[in-house]
Amino acid sequence: MDWKIELIFVPVSDVDRARDFYVDQVGFHLDYDQRVSDELRFVQLTPPGSACSIAFGTGLGIDMPVGGQRGIQVVIPDADAAREHLVANGVDASPVEDLSWGRFVTFSDPDGNRWALQQLPQRG
């Protein structure tokens, strides 16, 4: 039996600002943005090449404080290129950190949800 993580909720305070940040600055693909009713809006975005998406909106019943998502890690092929992309698009990304288990770049969205981008170490 396969178990696949396909959607992670990210708590945000301003849906439009978060959507624009992730699409225009980070480079995620906008899959879905639907206002179901005055109380319910659902936005889904997918990082390029990922099988897992993120979602946020209003009325979704996410029981997490805004900015409380602190543990999302994404595997990338090149930490330097990822950082250059983020900085060129106005994202405050950390310098690349070299560790024995990979090369890392971190950034936060406007609400403080933190992301880690990991370039896996070369296997020898």
N, C-alpha and C. Protein backbone atom coordinates (compact mmCIF):
# COMPACT_ATOMS: atom_id res chain seq x y z
N MET A 1 0.84 -1.17 0.00
CA MET A 1 0.00 0.00 0.00
C MET A 1 0.89 1.24 0.00
N ASP A 2 0.66 2.15 -0.95
CA ASP A 2 1.40 3.41 -1.01
C ASP A 2 0.73 4.46 -0.13
N TRP A 3 1.52 5.25 0.54
CA TRP A 3 1.03 6.39 1.31
C TRP A 3 1.73 7.61 0.73
N LYS A 4 0.97 8.53 0.18
CA LYS A 4 1.57 9.68 -0.48
C LYS A 4 1.08 10.97 0.18
N ILE A 5 2.02 11.79 0.59
CA ILE A 5 1.67 13.12 1.09
C ILE A 5 1.47 14.00 -0.13
N GLU A 6 0.26 14.54 -0.27
CA GLU A 6 -0.05 15.32 -1.46
C GLU A 6 -0.50 16.74 -1.16
N LEU A 7 -0.80 17.07 0.11
CA LEU A 7 -1.28 18.41 0.42
C LEU A 7 -0.90 18.77 1.85
N ILE A 8 -0.29 19.94 2.00
CA ILE A 8 0.09 20.46 3.31
C ILE A 8 -0.55 21.83 3.46
N PHE A 9 -1.23 22.06 4.57
CA PHE A 9 -1.86 23.35 4.81
C PHE A 9 -0.87 24.32 5.45
N VAL A 10 -0.93 25.55 4.98
CA VAL A 10 -0.06 26.62 5.46
C VAL A 10 -0.97 27.74 5.97
N PRO A 11 -0.90 28.07 7.26
CA PRO A 11 -1.79 29.09 7.82
C PRO A 11 -1.30 30.51 7.50
N VAL A 12 -2.16 31.27 6.83
CA VAL A 12 -1.81 32.63 6.42
C VAL A 12 -2.88 33.61 6.88
N SER A 13 -2.51 34.89 6.98
CA SER A 13 -3.45 35.92 7.40
C SER A 13 -4.11 36.62 6.22
N ASP A 14 -3.44 36.67 5.09
CA ASP A 14 -3.95 37.38 3.91
C ASP A 14 -3.78 36.45 2.71
N VAL A 15 -4.89 35.88 2.25
CA VAL A 15 -4.85 34.86 1.20
C VAL A 15 -4.27 35.42 -0.09
N ASP A 16 -4.70 36.61 -0.50
CA ASP A 16 -4.18 37.19 -1.75
C ASP A 16 -2.69 37.47 -1.66
N ARG A 17 -2.24 38.01 -0.54
CA ARG A 17 -0.81 38.30 -0.37
C ARG A 17 0.00 37.01 -0.40
N ALA A 18 -0.47 35.97 0.27
CA ALA A 18 0.23 34.68 0.28
C ALA A 18 0.26 34.07 -1.12
N ARG A 19 -0.88 34.09 -1.81
CA ARG A 19 -0.93 33.55 -3.18
C ARG A 19 0.07 34.27 -4.08
N ASP A 20 0.07 35.59 -4.02
CA ASP A 20 0.99 36.36 -4.86
C ASP A 20 2.45 36.09 -4.50
N PHE A 21 2.75 35.97 -3.21
CA PHE A 21 4.12 35.68 -2.78
C PHE A 21 4.59 34.34 -3.35
N TYR A 22 3.80 33.31 -3.14
CA TYR A 22 4.21 31.98 -3.57
C TYR A 22 4.26 31.83 -5.09
N VAL A 23 3.35 32.50 -5.81
CA VAL A 23 3.33 32.39 -7.27
C VAL A 23 4.36 33.33 -7.89
N ASP A 24 4.29 34.62 -7.55
CA ASP A 24 5.11 35.63 -8.23
C ASP A 24 6.55 35.66 -7.75
N GLN A 25 6.79 35.37 -6.47
CA GLN A 25 8.15 35.48 -5.95
C GLN A 25 8.86 34.14 -5.81
N VAL A 26 8.15 33.13 -5.31
CA VAL A 26 8.79 31.83 -5.10
C VAL A 26 8.74 30.98 -6.38
N GLY A 27 7.66 31.11 -7.15
CA GLY A 27 7.58 30.39 -8.42
C GLY A 27 6.70 29.16 -8.42
N PHE A 28 5.81 29.05 -7.42
CA PHE A 28 4.88 27.92 -7.38
C PHE A 28 3.81 28.09 -8.46
N HIS A 29 3.23 26.98 -8.89
CA HIS A 29 2.15 26.99 -9.87
C HIS A 29 0.81 27.11 -9.15
N LEU A 30 -0.04 28.03 -9.61
CA LEU A 30 -1.38 28.19 -9.04
C LEU A 30 -2.28 27.12 -9.66
N ASP A 31 -2.67 26.14 -8.85
CA ASP A 31 -3.52 25.05 -9.31
C ASP A 31 -4.99 25.40 -9.21
N TYR A 32 -5.34 26.09 -8.13
CA TYR A 32 -6.76 26.27 -7.83
C TYR A 32 -6.92 27.47 -6.90
N ASP A 33 -7.85 28.33 -7.20
CA ASP A 33 -8.22 29.44 -6.32
C ASP A 33 -9.72 29.63 -6.48
N GLN A 34 -10.45 29.10 -5.53
CA GLN A 34 -11.91 29.10 -5.63
C GLN A 34 -12.55 29.62 -4.36
N ARG A 35 -13.42 30.60 -4.53
CA ARG A 35 -14.25 31.07 -3.42
C ARG A 35 -15.56 30.29 -3.52
N VAL A 36 -15.74 29.35 -2.62
CA VAL A 36 -16.91 28.49 -2.61
C VAL A 36 -18.13 29.24 -2.08
N SER A 37 -17.89 30.09 -1.08
CA SER A 37 -18.94 30.91 -0.48
C SER A 37 -18.27 32.11 0.18
N ASP A 38 -19.06 32.98 0.81
CA ASP A 38 -18.48 34.12 1.51
C ASP A 38 -17.55 33.68 2.65
N GLU A 39 -17.79 32.48 3.19
CA GLU A 39 -17.00 31.98 4.32
C GLU A 39 -15.89 31.02 3.92
N LEU A 40 -15.90 30.53 2.67
CA LEU A 40 -14.97 29.47 2.30
C LEU A 40 -14.25 29.80 0.99
N ARG A 41 -12.92 29.83 1.09
CA ARG A 41 -12.06 30.01 -0.09
C ARG A 41 -10.91 29.03 0.02
N PHE A 42 -10.59 28.38 -1.09
CA PHE A 42 -9.54 27.37 -1.11
C PHE A 42 -8.55 27.69 -2.21
N VAL A 43 -7.26 27.79 -1.84
CA VAL A 43 -6.18 28.05 -2.79
C VAL A 43 -5.18 26.90 -2.68
N GLN A 44 -4.82 26.32 -3.84
CA GLN A 44 -3.83 25.25 -3.87
C GLN A 44 -2.72 25.62 -4.84
N LEU A 45 -1.48 25.46 -4.39
CA LEU A 45 -0.29 25.77 -5.17
C LEU A 45 0.67 24.59 -5.13
N THR A 46 1.43 24.41 -6.21
CA THR A 46 2.38 23.30 -6.26
C THR A 46 3.76 23.82 -6.66
N PRO A 47 4.79 23.45 -5.88
CA PRO A 47 6.15 23.79 -6.29
C PRO A 47 6.49 23.10 -7.61
N PRO A 48 7.32 23.71 -8.46
CA PRO A 48 7.67 23.08 -9.73
C PRO A 48 8.26 21.68 -9.51
N GLY A 49 7.72 20.70 -10.22
CA GLY A 49 8.22 19.34 -10.14
C GLY A 49 7.79 18.53 -8.93
N SER A 50 6.97 19.10 -8.07
CA SER A 50 6.58 18.42 -6.83
C SER A 50 5.29 17.62 -7.01
N ALA A 51 5.19 16.52 -6.29
CA ALA A 51 3.94 15.75 -6.23
C ALA A 51 3.09 16.20 -5.04
N CYS A 52 3.63 17.08 -4.21
CA CYS A 52 2.92 17.57 -3.03
C CYS A 52 2.65 19.06 -3.19
N SER A 53 1.43 19.46 -2.88
CA SER A 53 1.01 20.85 -2.98
C SER A 53 0.83 21.45 -1.60
N ILE A 54 0.68 22.78 -1.57
CA ILE A 54 0.29 23.46 -0.34
C ILE A 54 -1.09 24.07 -0.57
N ALA A 55 -1.78 24.34 0.53
CA ALA A 55 -3.11 24.95 0.44
C ALA A 55 -3.30 25.91 1.59
N PHE A 56 -4.10 26.92 1.34
CA PHE A 56 -4.52 27.87 2.36
C PHE A 56 -5.79 28.52 1.89
N GLY A 57 -6.39 29.30 2.74
CA GLY A 57 -7.62 29.97 2.36
C GLY A 57 -8.34 30.51 3.58
N THR A 58 -9.65 30.59 3.47
CA THR A 58 -10.47 31.04 4.58
C THR A 58 -11.55 29.99 4.83
N GLY A 59 -11.91 29.83 6.10
CA GLY A 59 -12.97 28.90 6.46
C GLY A 59 -12.59 27.44 6.35
N LEU A 60 -11.30 27.13 6.35
CA LEU A 60 -10.85 25.75 6.16
C LEU A 60 -10.71 24.99 7.47
N GLY A 61 -10.83 25.67 8.59
CA GLY A 61 -10.73 24.99 9.89
C GLY A 61 -9.33 24.54 10.23
N ILE A 62 -8.33 25.23 9.71
CA ILE A 62 -6.94 24.88 10.03
C ILE A 62 -6.66 25.30 11.46
N ASP A 63 -6.32 24.34 12.29
CA ASP A 63 -6.09 24.61 13.71
C ASP A 63 -4.60 24.80 13.96
N MET A 64 -4.08 25.91 13.39
CA MET A 64 -2.67 26.24 13.54
C MET A 64 -2.57 27.76 13.50
N PRO A 65 -1.76 28.36 14.34
CA PRO A 65 -1.66 29.82 14.30
C PRO A 65 -1.03 30.29 12.99
N VAL A 66 -1.43 31.47 12.55
CA VAL A 66 -0.85 32.07 11.35
C VAL A 66 0.66 32.12 11.53
N GLY A 67 1.38 31.67 10.51
CA GLY A 67 2.84 31.63 10.59
C GLY A 67 3.37 30.43 11.34
N GLY A 68 2.51 29.52 11.74
CA GLY A 68 2.90 28.40 12.58
C GLY A 68 3.49 27.20 11.86
N GLN A 69 3.50 27.22 10.53
CA GLN A 69 4.07 26.10 9.78
C GLN A 69 5.59 26.32 9.73
N ARG A 70 6.32 25.52 10.44
CA ARG A 70 7.76 25.77 10.58
C ARG A 70 8.62 24.63 10.06
N GLY A 71 8.01 23.57 9.52
CA GLY A 71 8.83 22.40 9.22
C GLY A 71 8.71 21.86 7.81
N ILE A 72 8.43 22.69 6.84
CA ILE A 72 8.36 22.19 5.47
C ILE A 72 9.76 22.20 4.87
N GLN A 73 10.15 21.05 4.33
CA GLN A 73 11.46 20.94 3.69
C GLN A 73 11.26 20.43 2.28
N VAL A 74 11.92 21.08 1.34
CA VAL A 74 11.80 20.76 -0.07
C VAL A 74 13.18 20.38 -0.60
N VAL A 75 13.27 19.29 -1.35
CA VAL A 75 14.52 18.89 -1.96
C VAL A 75 14.65 19.60 -3.31
N ILE A 76 15.81 20.19 -3.52
CA ILE A 76 16.10 20.95 -4.74
C ILE A 76 17.40 20.44 -5.35
N PRO A 77 17.63 20.64 -6.64
CA PRO A 77 18.87 20.15 -7.24
C PRO A 77 20.09 21.03 -6.98
N ASP A 78 19.87 22.35 -6.75
CA ASP A 78 21.00 23.27 -6.66
C ASP A 78 20.65 24.40 -5.68
N ALA A 79 21.27 24.38 -4.52
CA ALA A 79 20.97 25.38 -3.48
C ALA A 79 21.36 26.79 -3.92
N ASP A 80 22.47 26.91 -4.61
CA ASP A 80 22.89 28.24 -5.05
C ASP A 80 21.89 28.83 -6.05
N ALA A 81 21.45 28.02 -7.00
CA ALA A 81 20.49 28.49 -8.01
C ALA A 81 19.15 28.82 -7.35
N ALA A 82 18.73 28.02 -6.39
CA ALA A 82 17.47 28.29 -5.69
C ALA A 82 17.55 29.61 -4.94
N ARG A 83 18.65 29.83 -4.25
CA ARG A 83 18.81 31.09 -3.52
C ARG A 83 18.83 32.27 -4.48
N GLU A 84 19.57 32.15 -5.57
CA GLU A 84 19.62 33.23 -6.56
C GLU A 84 18.23 33.55 -7.10
N HIS A 85 17.42 32.52 -7.38
CA HIS A 85 16.06 32.72 -7.86
C HIS A 85 15.23 33.48 -6.84
N LEU A 86 15.29 33.06 -5.59
CA LEU A 86 14.50 33.70 -4.53
C LEU A 86 14.91 35.15 -4.35
N VAL A 87 16.20 35.41 -4.22
CA VAL A 87 16.69 36.77 -4.00
C VAL A 87 16.34 37.67 -5.19
N ALA A 88 16.47 37.15 -6.40
CA ALA A 88 16.13 37.93 -7.60
C ALA A 88 14.66 38.31 -7.64
N ASN A 89 13.83 37.54 -6.93
CA ASN A 89 12.40 37.82 -6.89
C ASN A 89 11.96 38.48 -5.59
N GLY A 90 12.92 39.03 -4.85
CA GLY A 90 12.61 39.81 -3.66
C GLY A 90 12.36 39.03 -2.40
N VAL A 91 12.72 37.76 -2.37
CA VAL A 91 12.54 36.94 -1.17
C VAL A 91 13.81 37.03 -0.32
N ASP A 92 13.64 37.25 0.97
CA ASP A 92 14.75 37.31 1.90
C ASP A 92 15.18 35.88 2.24
N ALA A 93 16.09 35.34 1.46
CA ALA A 93 16.57 33.97 1.64
C ALA A 93 17.92 33.98 2.35
N SER A 94 18.13 32.97 3.17
CA SER A 94 19.40 32.85 3.89
C SER A 94 20.54 32.54 2.94
N PRO A 95 21.77 32.80 3.37
CA PRO A 95 22.90 32.30 2.60
C PRO A 95 22.85 30.76 2.59
N VAL A 96 23.49 30.15 1.61
CA VAL A 96 23.55 28.69 1.55
C VAL A 96 24.39 28.20 2.72
N GLU A 97 23.85 27.22 3.44
CA GLU A 97 24.57 26.63 4.56
C GLU A 97 24.99 25.21 4.16
N ASP A 98 26.29 24.94 4.25
CA ASP A 98 26.83 23.62 3.91
C ASP A 98 26.92 22.77 5.17
N LEU A 99 26.20 21.64 5.15
CA LEU A 99 26.23 20.69 6.26
C LEU A 99 26.53 19.31 5.69
N SER A 100 26.89 18.38 6.53
CA SER A 100 27.25 17.05 6.03
C SER A 100 26.05 16.33 5.41
N TRP A 101 24.85 16.71 5.76
CA TRP A 101 23.64 16.06 5.23
C TRP A 101 22.97 16.89 4.12
N GLY A 102 23.67 17.89 3.61
CA GLY A 102 23.15 18.65 2.48
C GLY A 102 23.48 20.12 2.56
N ARG A 103 23.07 20.82 1.51
CA ARG A 103 23.25 22.28 1.43
C ARG A 103 21.86 22.89 1.56
N PHE A 104 21.72 23.89 2.43
CA PHE A 104 20.40 24.40 2.79
C PHE A 104 20.26 25.89 2.53
N VAL A 105 19.07 26.28 2.11
CA VAL A 105 18.64 27.67 2.02
C VAL A 105 17.30 27.73 2.74
N THR A 106 17.11 28.77 3.55
CA THR A 106 15.82 28.92 4.23
C THR A 106 15.22 30.27 3.89
N PHE A 107 13.90 30.33 3.97
CA PHE A 107 13.17 31.58 3.81
C PHE A 107 11.83 31.45 4.52
N SER A 108 11.21 32.58 4.75
CA SER A 108 9.88 32.61 5.35
C SER A 108 8.94 33.39 4.46
N ASP A 109 7.67 33.03 4.51
CA ASP A 109 6.67 33.79 3.78
C ASP A 109 6.31 35.04 4.58
N PRO A 110 5.45 35.92 4.07
CA PRO A 110 5.13 37.16 4.79
C PRO A 110 4.52 36.95 6.17
N ASP A 111 3.96 35.77 6.44
CA ASP A 111 3.38 35.49 7.76
C ASP A 111 4.34 34.81 8.71
N GLY A 112 5.52 34.41 8.22
CA GLY A 112 6.51 33.76 9.07
C GLY A 112 6.54 32.24 8.95
N ASN A 113 5.75 31.65 8.05
CA ASN A 113 5.87 30.21 7.80
C ASN A 113 7.24 29.97 7.19
N ARG A 114 8.00 29.04 7.79
CA ARG A 114 9.40 28.86 7.40
C ARG A 114 9.59 27.63 6.51
N TRP A 115 10.41 27.81 5.50
CA TRP A 115 10.74 26.77 4.54
C TRP A 115 12.23 26.49 4.56
N ALA A 116 12.60 25.22 4.39
CA ALA A 116 13.99 24.83 4.21
C ALA A 116 14.10 24.15 2.86
N LEU A 117 15.06 24.59 2.07
CA LEU A 117 15.34 23.97 0.78
C LEU A 117 16.65 23.20 0.93
N GLN A 118 16.63 21.91 0.58
CA GLN A 118 17.80 21.07 0.78
C GLN A 118 18.31 20.50 -0.55
N GLN A 119 19.57 20.76 -0.82
CA GLN A 119 20.27 20.08 -1.89
C GLN A 119 20.91 18.87 -1.25
N LEU A 120 20.51 17.68 -1.67
CA LEU A 120 21.02 16.46 -1.06
C LEU A 120 22.52 16.33 -1.32
N PRO A 121 23.24 15.71 -0.37
CA PRO A 121 24.68 15.50 -0.59
C PRO A 121 24.90 14.49 -1.70
N GLN A 122 26.03 14.62 -2.36
CA GLN A 122 26.38 13.65 -3.40
C GLN A 122 26.68 12.32 -2.75
N ARG A 123 26.16 11.29 -3.36
CA ARG A 123 26.41 9.96 -2.82
C ARG A 123 27.64 9.37 -3.47
N GLY A 124 28.48 8.81 -2.65
CA GLY A 124 29.75 8.32 -3.17
C GLY A 124 29.84 6.91 -3.17
